[in-house]
N, C-alpha and C. Protein backbone atom coordinates (compact mmCIF):
# COMPACT_ATOMS: atom_id res chain seq x y z
N MET A 1 18.27 27.16 1.79
CA MET A 1 16.67 26.58 1.53
C MET A 1 16.20 27.78 1.99
N GLU A 2 15.97 29.31 2.20
CA GLU A 2 15.52 30.30 2.02
C GLU A 2 14.80 30.80 0.69
N LEU A 3 16.03 30.49 -0.55
CA LEU A 3 15.56 30.92 -1.38
C LEU A 3 14.71 29.89 -2.60
N VAL A 4 14.79 28.86 -1.73
CA VAL A 4 13.87 27.73 -2.40
C VAL A 4 12.41 28.10 -2.04
N ASP A 5 12.36 28.54 -0.52
CA ASP A 5 11.06 28.37 0.32
C ASP A 5 10.11 29.74 -0.41
N ALA A 6 11.51 30.95 -0.37
CA ALA A 6 10.86 32.25 -1.34
C ALA A 6 10.36 31.81 -2.87
N GLY A 7 10.66 31.09 -3.38
CA GLY A 7 10.35 30.40 -4.48
C GLY A 7 11.30 31.02 -5.79
N HIS A 8 12.43 31.44 -5.50
CA HIS A 8 13.52 31.88 -6.27
C HIS A 8 13.74 30.67 -7.60
N PRO A 9 13.57 31.23 -8.87
CA PRO A 9 13.06 30.08 -9.99
C PRO A 9 14.79 29.56 -10.18
N VAL A 10 15.85 30.00 -9.38
CA VAL A 10 16.82 29.22 -9.72
C VAL A 10 16.96 27.97 -8.98
N PHE A 11 16.05 28.21 -7.88
CA PHE A 11 16.32 27.08 -6.94
C PHE A 11 14.95 26.16 -6.99
N ALA A 12 13.77 26.26 -7.92
CA ALA A 12 12.74 25.78 -7.94
C ALA A 12 13.16 24.68 -8.09
N GLU A 13 14.13 23.46 -8.82
CA GLU A 13 14.11 22.15 -8.80
C GLU A 13 14.09 21.56 -7.45
N ILE A 14 15.12 22.12 -6.56
CA ILE A 14 15.59 22.02 -5.66
C ILE A 14 14.12 21.61 -4.53
N ALA A 15 12.94 22.25 -4.78
CA ALA A 15 11.74 22.13 -3.72
C ALA A 15 11.07 20.72 -4.03
N ASN A 16 11.83 20.18 -5.41
CA ASN A 16 11.24 18.76 -5.46
C ASN A 16 11.85 17.96 -5.08
N PHE A 17 12.82 17.79 -4.59
CA PHE A 17 13.90 16.60 -3.77
C PHE A 17 12.90 16.07 -2.42
N THR A 18 12.98 14.58 -1.90
CA THR A 18 12.32 14.57 -0.84
C THR A 18 13.68 14.58 0.15
N SER A 19 14.82 14.80 -0.10
CA SER A 19 15.60 14.78 0.81
C SER A 19 17.09 15.61 0.81
N VAL A 20 17.50 16.76 1.48
CA VAL A 20 18.45 17.61 0.92
C VAL A 20 19.20 17.77 2.09
N ASP A 21 20.73 17.79 2.18
CA ASP A 21 21.55 18.10 3.25
C ASP A 21 22.03 19.44 2.59
N VAL A 22 21.97 20.37 3.20
CA VAL A 22 23.05 21.64 2.97
C VAL A 22 24.14 21.42 3.77
N VAL A 23 25.55 21.94 3.22
CA VAL A 23 26.66 21.89 3.81
C VAL A 23 26.80 23.61 3.65
N ASP A 24 27.46 24.06 4.65
CA ASP A 24 28.20 25.41 4.59
C ASP A 24 29.53 25.27 4.45
N LEU A 25 29.98 25.63 3.26
CA LEU A 25 31.26 25.91 3.08
C LEU A 25 31.89 27.46 3.22
N PRO A 26 32.22 27.97 4.41
CA PRO A 26 32.33 29.24 4.36
C PRO A 26 33.57 29.76 3.02
N THR A 27 33.45 30.02 2.07
CA THR A 27 34.28 30.80 0.82
C THR A 27 33.42 31.45 0.42
N GLY A 28 33.91 32.13 -0.58
CA GLY A 28 33.64 33.24 -1.46
C GLY A 28 32.72 32.44 -2.77
N HIS A 29 32.50 33.21 -3.51
CA HIS A 29 31.52 32.56 -4.91
C HIS A 29 32.66 31.49 -5.34
N TRP A 30 33.42 31.29 -5.53
CA TRP A 30 34.71 30.26 -6.24
C TRP A 30 35.26 29.32 -5.21
N PRO A 31 34.33 28.39 -4.68
CA PRO A 31 35.11 27.49 -3.66
C PRO A 31 36.35 26.56 -4.33
N MET A 32 36.01 26.52 -5.76
CA MET A 32 36.98 25.41 -6.12
C MET A 32 38.36 26.35 -6.25
N TRP A 33 38.56 27.66 -6.59
CA TRP A 33 39.44 28.33 -6.29
C TRP A 33 40.12 28.67 -4.88
N SER A 34 39.13 28.98 -4.40
CA SER A 34 39.70 29.41 -2.59
C SER A 34 39.96 28.63 -2.05
N ARG A 35 39.03 27.00 -1.76
CA ARG A 35 39.30 26.25 -1.44
C ARG A 35 39.27 24.65 -1.89
N PRO A 36 39.70 24.47 -3.09
CA PRO A 36 39.31 23.37 -3.47
C PRO A 36 39.53 21.98 -2.54
N HIS A 37 40.49 22.20 -1.80
CA HIS A 37 40.68 20.63 -1.16
C HIS A 37 39.54 20.21 -0.04
N ASP A 38 38.95 21.60 0.79
CA ASP A 38 38.08 21.37 1.58
C ASP A 38 36.62 21.07 0.72
N LEU A 39 36.43 21.67 -0.76
CA LEU A 39 35.45 21.32 -1.26
C LEU A 39 35.13 19.92 -1.78
N ALA A 40 36.71 19.29 -2.37
CA ALA A 40 36.62 18.35 -2.69
C ALA A 40 36.64 17.10 -1.43
N GLU A 41 36.91 17.36 -0.24
CA GLU A 41 36.50 16.50 1.00
C GLU A 41 35.02 16.61 1.10
N THR A 42 34.60 17.84 0.87
CA THR A 42 33.22 17.97 1.68
C THR A 42 32.04 17.30 0.32
N ILE A 43 32.69 17.12 -0.91
CA ILE A 43 31.61 16.19 -2.14
C ILE A 43 32.03 14.80 -1.84
N ARG A 44 33.67 14.65 -1.39
CA ARG A 44 34.03 13.15 -1.19
C ARG A 44 32.90 12.66 -0.12
N ALA A 45 32.72 13.03 1.10
CA ALA A 45 32.35 13.00 2.51
C ALA A 45 30.65 13.10 1.98
N ALA A 46 30.08 13.55 1.44
CA ALA A 46 28.49 13.20 0.94
C ALA A 46 28.45 12.56 0.06
N SER A 47 29.25 11.79 -0.43
CA SER A 47 29.01 11.08 -1.79
C SER A 47 29.14 9.48 -0.88
N HIS A 48 29.74 9.23 0.15
CA HIS A 48 29.82 7.90 0.56
C HIS A 48 28.39 7.79 1.56
N THR A 49 28.27 6.70 1.57
CA THR A 49 27.41 6.14 2.03
C THR A 49 27.49 4.72 3.14
N ASP A 50 27.54 4.80 4.63
CA ASP A 50 28.42 4.03 5.03
C ASP A 50 26.80 2.91 5.79
């Protein structure tokens, strides 16, 4: 969110969102290789609304 607030162009579109949840998954640059199960669970959990 710091990059959004700083106006970084890669994150410019996020500034238009009305609701953003940031989930920190402590991995390297490519979590799909280093922690694929954790990444999948994070995406699954974020996509379910109860």
